Amino acid sequence: MSPDTLTGSPTSPARRGSWLVFIHKIPPQPSSLRVSIWRRLKEVGAVGLQQGVWLLAGLPWYKEVLSEVADRIREAGGDAYIFEATELVATRPIEEYANADRDAEYREFMDSCQAFLQEIQRETERKNFTFAELEENEDNLQRLRRWLANIRRRDVFHAHMSDQAQAAWHAGQVALEEFTAMVYQAEGLGAASDGGETGGESSPGGEGTGDDR
């Protein structure tokens, strides 16, 4: 299963009780390795249970990530083990912990969406209807799209603010479509093509490149 399919639906392996337990011991030097490993595990949404013990939903893509991380640790002279668990007792605190991390990310994302809307509003009030401004705003919306996709890729439990974040991104998409129409009108070119960057934008359902957040 690719990361594009990680939507956090109730039928995901995590909901059915499939888990990956990752235990490692990293050499003290170089210290940069410990930081790099920590960042990589947090990047994919792993839950730290205690020092050197992490938990992930039992998805094939996560197993591939853990195998790569384990190889790096062993190559540096450390130890790393991956266990597959079909049942864990009292998993709700783990889900709540993971959801709290995702909700914090969603809040930060929505703040940036609000800033994007404010920027569109400022440029509209200034009547700055230029293709240069339009291109900048299109780039910003694409960055938000990739950011949201990366968060949702980690959100296997469908955190509380997932739908709000999706709605915030959609509001930005609508605002940019309206701004695009005003740019084309100001330039005397009529309506923008339906197949263009903005009109053909798809929802950031689960794809992520790792380039943004």
N, C-alpha and C. Protein backbone atom coordinates (compact mmCIF):
# COMPACT_ATOMS: atom_id res chain seq x y z
N MET A 1 0.85 -1.20 0.00
CA MET A 1 0.00 0.00 0.00
C MET A 1 0.88 1.24 0.00
N SER A 2 0.62 2.16 -0.88
CA SER A 2 1.43 3.37 -0.97
C SER A 2 0.92 4.40 0.01
N PRO A 3 1.72 5.44 0.32
CA PRO A 3 1.27 6.48 1.24
C PRO A 3 0.08 7.25 0.70
N ASP A 4 -0.15 7.21 -0.63
CA ASP A 4 -1.28 7.92 -1.19
C ASP A 4 -2.61 7.39 -0.68
N THR A 5 -2.63 6.15 -0.18
CA THR A 5 -3.89 5.54 0.23
C THR A 5 -4.14 5.67 1.73
N LEU A 6 -3.29 6.36 2.44
CA LEU A 6 -3.45 6.46 3.89
C LEU A 6 -4.45 7.56 4.21
N THR A 7 -5.69 7.20 4.38
CA THR A 7 -6.73 8.18 4.64
C THR A 7 -7.23 8.14 6.06
N GLY A 8 -6.74 7.21 6.88
CA GLY A 8 -7.19 7.13 8.26
C GLY A 8 -8.61 6.62 8.39
N SER A 9 -9.06 5.80 7.48
CA SER A 9 -10.43 5.31 7.51
C SER A 9 -10.59 4.27 8.62
N PRO A 10 -11.83 4.04 9.09
CA PRO A 10 -12.07 3.06 10.16
C PRO A 10 -11.65 1.65 9.78
N THR A 11 -11.45 1.36 8.49
CA THR A 11 -11.09 0.01 8.09
C THR A 11 -9.59 -0.16 7.92
N SER A 12 -8.80 0.84 8.30
CA SER A 12 -7.35 0.74 8.17
C SER A 12 -6.83 -0.35 9.12
N PRO A 13 -5.62 -0.92 8.84
CA PRO A 13 -5.06 -1.95 9.72
C PRO A 13 -4.97 -1.51 11.17
N ALA A 14 -4.72 -0.20 11.38
CA ALA A 14 -4.61 0.28 12.76
C ALA A 14 -5.92 0.07 13.51
N ARG A 15 -7.05 0.29 12.81
CA ARG A 15 -8.35 0.12 13.45
C ARG A 15 -8.63 -1.35 13.73
N ARG A 16 -8.07 -2.24 12.92
CA ARG A 16 -8.33 -3.66 13.11
C ARG A 16 -7.38 -4.28 14.13
N GLY A 17 -6.41 -3.51 14.62
CA GLY A 17 -5.54 -4.01 15.67
C GLY A 17 -4.20 -4.51 15.20
N SER A 18 -3.74 -4.08 14.03
CA SER A 18 -2.43 -4.47 13.53
C SER A 18 -1.44 -3.35 13.80
N TRP A 19 -0.31 -3.70 14.43
CA TRP A 19 0.64 -2.68 14.85
C TRP A 19 2.07 -3.11 14.54
N LEU A 20 2.94 -2.12 14.44
CA LEU A 20 4.38 -2.35 14.32
C LEU A 20 5.04 -1.73 15.53
N VAL A 21 5.83 -2.52 16.23
CA VAL A 21 6.59 -2.04 17.39
C VAL A 21 8.06 -1.98 16.99
N PHE A 22 8.66 -0.81 17.16
CA PHE A 22 10.05 -0.59 16.75
C PHE A 22 10.88 -0.27 18.00
N ILE A 23 11.89 -1.10 18.24
CA ILE A 23 12.77 -0.93 19.40
C ILE A 23 14.19 -0.74 18.88
N HIS A 24 14.86 0.27 19.38
CA HIS A 24 16.22 0.53 18.89
C HIS A 24 17.14 1.03 20.01
N LYS A 25 18.42 0.85 19.76
CA LYS A 25 19.46 1.41 20.61
C LYS A 25 20.49 2.05 19.69
N ILE A 26 20.57 3.38 19.74
CA ILE A 26 21.42 4.13 18.82
C ILE A 26 22.73 4.48 19.51
N PRO A 27 23.86 4.30 18.84
CA PRO A 27 25.15 4.68 19.41
C PRO A 27 25.17 6.17 19.78
N PRO A 28 25.88 6.54 20.82
CA PRO A 28 25.90 7.95 21.24
C PRO A 28 26.51 8.89 20.20
N GLN A 29 27.37 8.36 19.36
CA GLN A 29 28.01 9.17 18.32
C GLN A 29 27.82 8.49 16.96
N PRO A 30 27.58 9.28 15.91
CA PRO A 30 27.41 10.74 15.95
C PRO A 30 26.03 11.13 16.47
N SER A 31 25.95 12.23 17.16
CA SER A 31 24.68 12.67 17.72
C SER A 31 23.67 13.02 16.63
N SER A 32 24.18 13.37 15.47
CA SER A 32 23.29 13.75 14.36
C SER A 32 22.42 12.57 13.92
N LEU A 33 22.91 11.35 14.10
CA LEU A 33 22.13 10.18 13.72
C LEU A 33 20.88 10.07 14.59
N ARG A 34 21.04 10.28 15.89
CA ARG A 34 19.89 10.19 16.81
C ARG A 34 18.83 11.21 16.43
N VAL A 35 19.27 12.43 16.11
CA VAL A 35 18.32 13.48 15.72
C VAL A 35 17.64 13.12 14.41
N SER A 36 18.40 12.61 13.46
CA SER A 36 17.85 12.24 12.16
C SER A 36 16.82 11.13 12.28
N ILE A 37 17.12 10.13 13.10
CA ILE A 37 16.19 9.01 13.30
C ILE A 37 14.92 9.50 13.98
N TRP A 38 15.06 10.34 14.98
CA TRP A 38 13.90 10.89 15.69
C TRP A 38 13.01 11.66 14.71
N ARG A 39 13.61 12.49 13.86
CA ARG A 39 12.83 13.28 12.91
C ARG A 39 12.11 12.39 11.91
N ARG A 40 12.79 11.34 11.44
CA ARG A 40 12.17 10.46 10.46
C ARG A 40 10.98 9.72 11.06
N LEU A 41 11.10 9.26 12.30
CA LEU A 41 10.00 8.55 12.94
C LEU A 41 8.81 9.49 13.20
N LYS A 42 9.08 10.70 13.62
CA LYS A 42 8.01 11.67 13.84
C LYS A 42 7.36 12.06 12.52
N GLU A 43 8.16 12.10 11.48
CA GLU A 43 7.67 12.47 10.15
C GLU A 43 6.58 11.53 9.67
N VAL A 44 6.71 10.26 9.98
CA VAL A 44 5.72 9.28 9.53
C VAL A 44 4.63 9.04 10.57
N GLY A 45 4.67 9.79 11.68
CA GLY A 45 3.61 9.70 12.67
C GLY A 45 3.78 8.64 13.73
N ALA A 46 5.01 8.16 13.94
CA ALA A 46 5.24 7.15 14.98
C ALA A 46 4.99 7.74 16.37
N VAL A 47 4.46 6.91 17.26
CA VAL A 47 4.20 7.32 18.64
C VAL A 47 5.31 6.78 19.52
N GLY A 48 6.01 7.67 20.22
CA GLY A 48 7.06 7.25 21.13
C GLY A 48 6.49 6.81 22.46
N LEU A 49 6.65 5.53 22.79
CA LEU A 49 6.12 5.01 24.05
C LEU A 49 7.07 5.27 25.20
N GLN A 50 8.37 5.14 24.95
CA GLN A 50 9.43 5.47 25.90
C GLN A 50 10.71 5.54 25.09
N GLN A 51 11.81 5.84 25.73
CA GLN A 51 13.05 6.00 24.99
C GLN A 51 13.40 4.72 24.23
N GLY A 52 13.53 4.85 22.92
CA GLY A 52 13.91 3.72 22.08
C GLY A 52 12.79 2.77 21.72
N VAL A 53 11.55 3.12 22.05
CA VAL A 53 10.41 2.26 21.73
C VAL A 53 9.33 3.10 21.03
N TRP A 54 8.99 2.67 19.80
CA TRP A 54 8.03 3.41 18.99
C TRP A 54 6.92 2.48 18.50
N LEU A 55 5.78 3.09 18.21
CA LEU A 55 4.63 2.31 17.74
C LEU A 55 4.06 2.97 16.48
N LEU A 56 3.76 2.12 15.49
CA LEU A 56 3.14 2.59 14.25
C LEU A 56 2.00 1.66 13.87
N ALA A 57 1.04 2.18 13.11
CA ALA A 57 -0.01 1.34 12.57
C ALA A 57 0.60 0.30 11.63
N GLY A 58 -0.02 -0.88 11.58
CA GLY A 58 0.54 -1.97 10.81
C GLY A 58 0.28 -1.88 9.33
N LEU A 59 0.80 -0.84 8.69
CA LEU A 59 0.66 -0.64 7.25
C LEU A 59 1.97 -1.00 6.55
N PRO A 60 1.88 -1.64 5.38
CA PRO A 60 3.10 -2.08 4.68
C PRO A 60 4.10 -0.96 4.43
N TRP A 61 3.61 0.22 4.07
CA TRP A 61 4.54 1.32 3.81
C TRP A 61 5.33 1.69 5.06
N TYR A 62 4.68 1.66 6.23
CA TYR A 62 5.36 1.95 7.48
C TYR A 62 6.44 0.90 7.77
N LYS A 63 6.15 -0.34 7.45
CA LYS A 63 7.15 -1.39 7.66
C LYS A 63 8.39 -1.14 6.81
N GLU A 64 8.18 -0.66 5.59
CA GLU A 64 9.31 -0.33 4.72
C GLU A 64 10.14 0.80 5.33
N VAL A 65 9.46 1.81 5.87
CA VAL A 65 10.16 2.93 6.49
C VAL A 65 10.99 2.45 7.68
N LEU A 66 10.38 1.62 8.54
CA LEU A 66 11.08 1.13 9.72
C LEU A 66 12.28 0.26 9.32
N SER A 67 12.15 -0.50 8.25
CA SER A 67 13.27 -1.33 7.79
C SER A 67 14.43 -0.45 7.35
N GLU A 68 14.13 0.64 6.66
CA GLU A 68 15.18 1.57 6.24
C GLU A 68 15.86 2.21 7.44
N VAL A 69 15.04 2.61 8.43
CA VAL A 69 15.59 3.23 9.64
C VAL A 69 16.46 2.22 10.39
N ALA A 70 15.97 0.99 10.50
CA ALA A 70 16.72 -0.05 11.20
C ALA A 70 18.07 -0.30 10.53
N ASP A 71 18.10 -0.31 9.21
CA ASP A 71 19.35 -0.52 8.48
C ASP A 71 20.35 0.59 8.80
N ARG A 72 19.87 1.82 8.86
CA ARG A 72 20.76 2.95 9.17
C ARG A 72 21.36 2.80 10.56
N ILE A 73 20.52 2.38 11.52
CA ILE A 73 21.00 2.23 12.90
C ILE A 73 22.03 1.11 12.99
N ARG A 74 21.76 -0.01 12.35
CA ARG A 74 22.69 -1.14 12.39
C ARG A 74 24.01 -0.81 11.70
N GLU A 75 23.94 -0.08 10.59
CA GLU A 75 25.16 0.31 9.89
C GLU A 75 26.05 1.20 10.75
N ALA A 76 25.42 1.93 11.68
CA ALA A 76 26.17 2.80 12.58
C ALA A 76 26.63 2.06 13.84
N GLY A 77 26.34 0.76 13.93
CA GLY A 77 26.78 -0.02 15.08
C GLY A 77 25.75 -0.17 16.18
N GLY A 78 24.51 0.23 15.90
CA GLY A 78 23.46 0.11 16.91
C GLY A 78 22.61 -1.14 16.70
N ASP A 79 21.54 -1.24 17.46
CA ASP A 79 20.62 -2.37 17.37
C ASP A 79 19.22 -1.84 17.05
N ALA A 80 18.48 -2.60 16.26
CA ALA A 80 17.11 -2.21 15.91
C ALA A 80 16.28 -3.45 15.63
N TYR A 81 15.05 -3.46 16.14
CA TYR A 81 14.17 -4.62 15.99
C TYR A 81 12.76 -4.14 15.62
N ILE A 82 12.12 -4.88 14.75
CA ILE A 82 10.74 -4.59 14.34
C ILE A 82 9.87 -5.79 14.69
N PHE A 83 8.82 -5.53 15.46
CA PHE A 83 7.88 -6.59 15.83
C PHE A 83 6.50 -6.25 15.29
N GLU A 84 5.80 -7.27 14.82
CA GLU A 84 4.43 -7.11 14.38
C GLU A 84 3.51 -7.63 15.48
N ALA A 85 2.57 -6.78 15.89
CA ALA A 85 1.63 -7.15 16.95
C ALA A 85 0.22 -7.12 16.40
N THR A 86 -0.54 -8.17 16.67
CA THR A 86 -1.91 -8.24 16.20
C THR A 86 -2.90 -7.72 17.23
N GLU A 87 -2.43 -7.53 18.46
CA GLU A 87 -3.34 -7.05 19.49
C GLU A 87 -2.55 -6.32 20.57
N LEU A 88 -3.04 -5.17 20.96
CA LEU A 88 -2.46 -4.40 22.06
C LEU A 88 -3.57 -4.07 23.04
N VAL A 89 -3.25 -4.03 24.31
CA VAL A 89 -4.22 -3.70 25.34
C VAL A 89 -4.23 -2.19 25.55
N ALA A 90 -5.43 -1.60 25.68
CA ALA A 90 -5.59 -0.17 25.97
C ALA A 90 -4.91 0.68 24.91
N THR A 91 -5.38 0.56 23.66
CA THR A 91 -4.79 1.35 22.57
C THR A 91 -5.35 2.76 22.48
N ARG A 92 -6.47 3.02 23.13
CA ARG A 92 -7.08 4.34 23.00
C ARG A 92 -6.13 5.47 23.41
N PRO A 93 -5.38 5.37 24.51
CA PRO A 93 -4.43 6.45 24.82
C PRO A 93 -3.42 6.68 23.70
N ILE A 94 -3.03 5.61 23.01
CA ILE A 94 -2.08 5.75 21.91
C ILE A 94 -2.71 6.52 20.77
N GLU A 95 -3.95 6.18 20.44
CA GLU A 95 -4.66 6.89 19.38
C GLU A 95 -4.83 8.36 19.76
N GLU A 96 -5.17 8.62 21.01
CA GLU A 96 -5.37 10.00 21.45
C GLU A 96 -4.07 10.78 21.38
N TYR A 97 -2.96 10.14 21.73
CA TYR A 97 -1.66 10.79 21.67
C TYR A 97 -1.32 11.13 20.21
N ALA A 98 -1.53 10.17 19.32
CA ALA A 98 -1.25 10.40 17.91
C ALA A 98 -2.15 11.49 17.34
N ASN A 99 -3.43 11.45 17.71
CA ASN A 99 -4.37 12.46 17.21
C ASN A 99 -4.02 13.85 17.71
N ALA A 100 -3.51 13.94 18.94
CA ALA A 100 -3.10 15.24 19.47
C ALA A 100 -1.96 15.83 18.64
N ASP A 101 -1.02 14.99 18.23
CA ASP A 101 0.08 15.45 17.38
C ASP A 101 -0.46 15.94 16.04
N ARG A 102 -1.37 15.16 15.44
CA ARG A 102 -1.91 15.53 14.12
C ARG A 102 -2.75 16.81 14.24
N ASP A 103 -3.54 16.93 15.31
CA ASP A 103 -4.36 18.13 15.45
C ASP A 103 -3.49 19.38 15.59
N ALA A 104 -2.36 19.25 16.26
CA ALA A 104 -1.44 20.39 16.37
C ALA A 104 -0.93 20.79 14.98
N GLU A 105 -0.65 19.79 14.16
CA GLU A 105 -0.21 20.08 12.79
C GLU A 105 -1.34 20.71 11.98
N TYR A 106 -2.54 20.20 12.15
CA TYR A 106 -3.68 20.76 11.42
C TYR A 106 -3.92 22.22 11.82
N ARG A 107 -3.77 22.54 13.10
CA ARG A 107 -3.97 23.92 13.55
C ARG A 107 -2.96 24.85 12.88
N GLU A 108 -1.70 24.41 12.85
CA GLU A 108 -0.67 25.23 12.20
C GLU A 108 -0.99 25.40 10.71
N PHE A 109 -1.44 24.33 10.10
CA PHE A 109 -1.81 24.39 8.69
C PHE A 109 -2.96 25.37 8.46
N MET A 110 -3.98 25.33 9.30
CA MET A 110 -5.13 26.21 9.14
C MET A 110 -4.75 27.67 9.36
N ASP A 111 -3.80 27.92 10.25
CA ASP A 111 -3.29 29.29 10.43
C ASP A 111 -2.68 29.80 9.12
N SER A 112 -1.95 28.92 8.43
CA SER A 112 -1.34 29.32 7.17
C SER A 112 -2.41 29.51 6.08
N CYS A 113 -3.46 28.70 6.13
CA CYS A 113 -4.57 28.89 5.19
C CYS A 113 -5.24 30.24 5.41
N GLN A 114 -5.40 30.62 6.68
CA GLN A 114 -5.99 31.91 6.98
C GLN A 114 -5.11 33.04 6.48
N ALA A 115 -3.79 32.89 6.64
CA ALA A 115 -2.87 33.90 6.14
C ALA A 115 -2.95 34.00 4.61
N PHE A 116 -3.14 32.87 3.95
CA PHE A 116 -3.28 32.86 2.50
C PHE A 116 -4.54 33.63 2.08
N LEU A 117 -5.65 33.40 2.77
CA LEU A 117 -6.89 34.12 2.46
C LEU A 117 -6.73 35.62 2.68
N GLN A 118 -6.02 35.98 3.74
CA GLN A 118 -5.79 37.40 4.01
C GLN A 118 -4.94 38.05 2.93
N GLU A 119 -3.97 37.32 2.42
CA GLU A 119 -3.13 37.82 1.34
C GLU A 119 -3.96 38.04 0.07
N ILE A 120 -4.82 37.08 -0.25
CA ILE A 120 -5.70 37.23 -1.41
C ILE A 120 -6.59 38.46 -1.25
N GLN A 121 -7.12 38.64 -0.04
CA GLN A 121 -7.99 39.79 0.24
C GLN A 121 -7.24 41.11 0.07
N ARG A 122 -6.00 41.16 0.58
CA ARG A 122 -5.21 42.40 0.46
C ARG A 122 -4.95 42.74 -1.00
N GLU A 123 -4.56 41.74 -1.79
CA GLU A 123 -4.26 42.00 -3.20
C GLU A 123 -5.52 42.35 -3.98
N THR A 124 -6.65 41.80 -3.56
CA THR A 124 -7.92 42.16 -4.20
C THR A 124 -8.27 43.61 -3.92
N GLU A 125 -8.11 44.03 -2.67
CA GLU A 125 -8.41 45.41 -2.30
C GLU A 125 -7.47 46.39 -3.01
N ARG A 126 -6.23 45.96 -3.24
CA ARG A 126 -5.27 46.81 -3.96
C ARG A 126 -5.47 46.76 -5.47
N LYS A 127 -6.35 45.84 -5.90
CA LYS A 127 -6.58 45.60 -7.33
C LYS A 127 -5.29 45.23 -8.05
N ASN A 128 -4.52 44.42 -7.37
CA ASN A 128 -3.25 43.95 -7.94
C ASN A 128 -3.49 42.70 -8.78
N PHE A 129 -4.23 42.88 -9.85
CA PHE A 129 -4.64 41.75 -10.68
C PHE A 129 -3.62 41.52 -11.80
N THR A 130 -2.47 40.97 -11.43
CA THR A 130 -1.41 40.70 -12.39
C THR A 130 -1.11 39.21 -12.42
N PHE A 131 -0.54 38.76 -13.54
CA PHE A 131 -0.20 37.35 -13.65
C PHE A 131 0.95 36.98 -12.72
N ALA A 132 1.81 37.95 -12.42
CA ALA A 132 2.90 37.68 -11.48
C ALA A 132 2.34 37.37 -10.09
N GLU A 133 1.35 38.16 -9.67
CA GLU A 133 0.72 37.93 -8.36
C GLU A 133 -0.06 36.62 -8.37
N LEU A 134 -0.71 36.35 -9.48
CA LEU A 134 -1.47 35.09 -9.59
C LEU A 134 -0.54 33.89 -9.49
N GLU A 135 0.58 33.94 -10.16
CA GLU A 135 1.53 32.82 -10.11
C GLU A 135 2.06 32.60 -8.70
N GLU A 136 2.33 33.69 -7.99
CA GLU A 136 2.81 33.57 -6.61
C GLU A 136 1.76 32.90 -5.73
N ASN A 137 0.51 33.30 -5.91
CA ASN A 137 -0.56 32.71 -5.10
C ASN A 137 -0.81 31.25 -5.47
N GLU A 138 -0.67 30.92 -6.75
CA GLU A 138 -0.80 29.52 -7.15
C GLU A 138 0.29 28.67 -6.50
N ASP A 139 1.51 29.18 -6.45
CA ASP A 139 2.60 28.45 -5.81
C ASP A 139 2.32 28.25 -4.32
N ASN A 140 1.77 29.29 -3.68
CA ASN A 140 1.46 29.19 -2.25
C ASN A 140 0.37 28.16 -1.99
N LEU A 141 -0.64 28.10 -2.86
CA LEU A 141 -1.71 27.13 -2.69
C LEU A 141 -1.19 25.71 -2.92
N GLN A 142 -0.29 25.54 -3.88
CA GLN A 142 0.31 24.23 -4.10
C GLN A 142 1.10 23.77 -2.88
N ARG A 143 1.81 24.71 -2.27
CA ARG A 143 2.57 24.38 -1.05
C ARG A 143 1.63 23.93 0.05
N LEU A 144 0.50 24.62 0.22
CA LEU A 144 -0.49 24.23 1.22
C LEU A 144 -1.06 22.85 0.89
N ARG A 145 -1.28 22.59 -0.37
CA ARG A 145 -1.83 21.30 -0.79
C ARG A 145 -0.90 20.15 -0.42
N ARG A 146 0.40 20.33 -0.70
CA ARG A 146 1.37 19.28 -0.36
C ARG A 146 1.50 19.11 1.15
N TRP A 147 1.45 20.22 1.86
CA TRP A 147 1.55 20.18 3.32
C TRP A 147 0.39 19.37 3.90
N LEU A 148 -0.83 19.66 3.45
CA LEU A 148 -1.99 18.94 3.97
C LEU A 148 -1.91 17.46 3.61
N ALA A 149 -1.47 17.16 2.41
CA ALA A 149 -1.35 15.76 2.00
C ALA A 149 -0.36 15.01 2.89
N ASN A 150 0.72 15.67 3.26
CA ASN A 150 1.72 15.03 4.13
C ASN A 150 1.17 14.77 5.54
N ILE A 151 0.38 15.71 6.05
CA ILE A 151 -0.23 15.50 7.37
C ILE A 151 -1.21 14.34 7.31
N ARG A 152 -2.05 14.31 6.28
CA ARG A 152 -3.06 13.27 6.17
C ARG A 152 -2.44 11.89 5.95
N ARG A 153 -1.28 11.88 5.36
CA ARG A 153 -0.56 10.61 5.19
C ARG A 153 -0.21 10.01 6.55
N ARG A 154 0.05 10.87 7.54
CA ARG A 154 0.39 10.40 8.89
C ARG A 154 -0.84 10.16 9.75
N ASP A 155 -1.98 10.65 9.30
CA ASP A 155 -3.19 10.67 10.13
C ASP A 155 -4.00 9.39 9.94
N VAL A 156 -3.51 8.29 10.46
CA VAL A 156 -4.18 7.01 10.26
C VAL A 156 -5.41 6.84 11.15
N PHE A 157 -5.58 7.69 12.16
CA PHE A 157 -6.74 7.58 13.05
C PHE A 157 -7.79 8.65 12.78
N HIS A 158 -7.59 9.46 11.74
CA HIS A 158 -8.51 10.53 11.39
C HIS A 158 -8.74 11.46 12.59
N ALA A 159 -7.76 12.27 12.85
CA ALA A 159 -7.80 13.20 13.99
C ALA A 159 -8.99 14.16 13.86
N HIS A 160 -9.36 14.75 14.98
CA HIS A 160 -10.59 15.54 15.08
C HIS A 160 -10.62 16.71 14.09
N MET A 161 -9.48 17.33 13.82
CA MET A 161 -9.46 18.54 13.02
C MET A 161 -9.17 18.28 11.54
N SER A 162 -9.19 17.02 11.15
CA SER A 162 -8.91 16.67 9.76
C SER A 162 -9.89 17.34 8.80
N ASP A 163 -11.19 17.23 9.09
CA ASP A 163 -12.20 17.80 8.19
C ASP A 163 -12.12 19.32 8.16
N GLN A 164 -11.82 19.94 9.30
CA GLN A 164 -11.69 21.40 9.34
C GLN A 164 -10.51 21.86 8.49
N ALA A 165 -9.43 21.10 8.54
CA ALA A 165 -8.26 21.45 7.74
C ALA A 165 -8.56 21.33 6.25
N GLN A 166 -9.30 20.26 5.89
CA GLN A 166 -9.69 20.09 4.49
C GLN A 166 -10.55 21.26 4.03
N ALA A 167 -11.49 21.69 4.90
CA ALA A 167 -12.36 22.81 4.55
C ALA A 167 -11.56 24.11 4.40
N ALA A 168 -10.54 24.28 5.25
CA ALA A 168 -9.70 25.48 5.17
C ALA A 168 -8.95 25.53 3.85
N TRP A 169 -8.44 24.38 3.42
CA TRP A 169 -7.74 24.33 2.13
C TRP A 169 -8.71 24.62 0.99
N HIS A 170 -9.91 24.07 1.07
CA HIS A 170 -10.91 24.29 0.02
C HIS A 170 -11.27 25.77 -0.07
N ALA A 171 -11.36 26.45 1.07
CA ALA A 171 -11.66 27.89 1.06
C ALA A 171 -10.56 28.65 0.32
N GLY A 172 -9.32 28.24 0.51
CA GLY A 172 -8.22 28.87 -0.21
C GLY A 172 -8.31 28.62 -1.70
N GLN A 173 -8.72 27.41 -2.07
CA GLN A 173 -8.87 27.07 -3.48
C GLN A 173 -9.94 27.93 -4.13
N VAL A 174 -11.07 28.09 -3.46
CA VAL A 174 -12.16 28.92 -3.98
C VAL A 174 -11.71 30.38 -4.12
N ALA A 175 -11.01 30.88 -3.11
CA ALA A 175 -10.53 32.26 -3.15
C ALA A 175 -9.59 32.49 -4.32
N LEU A 176 -8.72 31.52 -4.58
CA LEU A 176 -7.79 31.67 -5.70
C LEU A 176 -8.52 31.60 -7.03
N GLU A 177 -9.54 30.76 -7.15
CA GLU A 177 -10.32 30.70 -8.38
C GLU A 177 -10.97 32.05 -8.66
N GLU A 178 -11.50 32.68 -7.63
CA GLU A 178 -12.14 33.99 -7.80
C GLU A 178 -11.10 35.04 -8.18
N PHE A 179 -9.92 34.98 -7.54
CA PHE A 179 -8.86 35.93 -7.86
C PHE A 179 -8.38 35.73 -9.30
N THR A 180 -8.29 34.48 -9.73
CA THR A 180 -7.87 34.16 -11.09
C THR A 180 -8.82 34.78 -12.10
N ALA A 181 -10.11 34.67 -11.83
CA ALA A 181 -11.11 35.24 -12.74
C ALA A 181 -10.94 36.75 -12.85
N MET A 182 -10.63 37.41 -11.74
CA MET A 182 -10.46 38.86 -11.76
C MET A 182 -9.19 39.26 -12.52
N VAL A 183 -8.14 38.43 -12.41
CA VAL A 183 -6.91 38.70 -13.15
C VAL A 183 -7.17 38.62 -14.65
N TYR A 184 -7.84 37.57 -15.08
CA TYR A 184 -8.13 37.41 -16.51
C TYR A 184 -9.03 38.53 -17.02
N GLN A 185 -9.97 38.95 -16.18
CA GLN A 185 -10.85 40.04 -16.58
C GLN A 185 -10.06 41.34 -16.71
N ALA A 186 -9.17 41.59 -15.75
CA ALA A 186 -8.36 42.81 -15.78
C ALA A 186 -7.43 42.84 -17.00
N GLU A 187 -6.98 41.66 -17.41
CA GLU A 187 -6.08 41.58 -18.56
C GLU A 187 -6.85 41.51 -19.89
N GLY A 188 -8.19 41.51 -19.79
CA GLY A 188 -9.00 41.49 -20.99
C GLY A 188 -8.96 40.18 -21.74
N LEU A 189 -8.76 39.08 -21.01
CA LEU A 189 -8.62 37.77 -21.65
C LEU A 189 -9.83 36.88 -21.42
N GLY A 190 -10.85 37.38 -20.76
CA GLY A 190 -12.02 36.55 -20.51
C GLY A 190 -11.76 35.56 -19.38
N ALA A 191 -12.59 34.52 -19.32
CA ALA A 191 -12.50 33.55 -18.22
C ALA A 191 -11.29 32.66 -18.39
N ALA A 192 -10.72 32.22 -17.26
CA ALA A 192 -9.59 31.29 -17.28
C ALA A 192 -10.06 29.94 -17.78
N SER A 193 -9.18 29.19 -18.40
CA SER A 193 -9.51 27.86 -18.91
C SER A 193 -9.84 26.92 -17.78
N ASP A 194 -10.85 26.07 -17.99
CA ASP A 194 -11.23 25.10 -16.96
C ASP A 194 -10.14 24.09 -16.70
N GLY A 195 -9.24 23.90 -17.66
CA GLY A 195 -8.20 22.90 -17.47
C GLY A 195 -6.93 23.47 -16.92
N GLY A 196 -6.97 24.73 -16.45
CA GLY A 196 -5.76 25.38 -15.96
C GLY A 196 -5.38 24.89 -14.58
N GLU A 197 -4.35 25.55 -14.03
CA GLU A 197 -3.79 25.17 -12.74
C GLU A 197 -4.85 25.18 -11.65
N THR A 198 -5.68 26.29 -11.65
CA THR A 198 -6.60 26.46 -10.55
C THR A 198 -7.88 25.66 -10.74
N GLY A 199 -8.46 25.75 -11.93
CA GLY A 199 -9.73 25.08 -12.16
C GLY A 199 -9.62 23.58 -12.07
N GLY A 200 -8.46 23.03 -12.40
CA GLY A 200 -8.32 21.58 -12.38
C GLY A 200 -7.71 21.05 -11.12
N GLU A 201 -7.62 21.86 -10.07
CA GLU A 201 -7.00 21.45 -8.82
C GLU A 201 -7.78 20.32 -8.18
N SER A 202 -7.10 19.32 -7.71
CA SER A 202 -7.76 18.20 -7.04
C SER A 202 -7.54 18.29 -5.54
N SER A 203 -8.35 17.55 -4.81
CA SER A 203 -8.25 17.56 -3.36
C SER A 203 -7.01 16.82 -2.89
N PRO A 204 -6.33 17.36 -1.86
CA PRO A 204 -5.12 16.69 -1.35
C PRO A 204 -5.48 15.51 -0.47
N GLY A 205 -5.99 14.46 -1.10
CA GLY A 205 -6.54 13.35 -0.33
C GLY A 205 -5.52 12.56 0.44
N GLY A 206 -4.31 12.36 -0.09
CA GLY A 206 -3.38 11.56 0.67
C GLY A 206 -2.01 11.52 0.07
N GLU A 207 -1.80 12.23 -1.03
CA GLU A 207 -0.48 12.19 -1.63
C GLU A 207 0.45 13.13 -0.91
N GLY A 208 1.69 12.81 -0.83
CA GLY A 208 2.64 13.68 -0.18
C GLY A 208 4.02 13.43 -0.72
N THR A 209 4.75 14.48 -0.93
CA THR A 209 6.08 14.33 -1.50
C THR A 209 7.17 14.46 -0.46
N GLY A 210 6.80 14.95 0.73
CA GLY A 210 7.82 15.18 1.73
C GLY A 210 8.52 16.51 1.56
N ASP A 211 8.12 17.29 0.55
CA ASP A 211 8.78 18.57 0.30
C ASP A 211 8.28 19.66 1.25
N ASP A 212 7.08 19.52 1.76
CA ASP A 212 6.50 20.53 2.62
C ASP A 212 6.02 19.91 3.91
N ARG A 213 6.68 20.30 4.99
CA ARG A 213 6.34 19.86 6.34
C ARG A 213 6.41 18.35 6.43
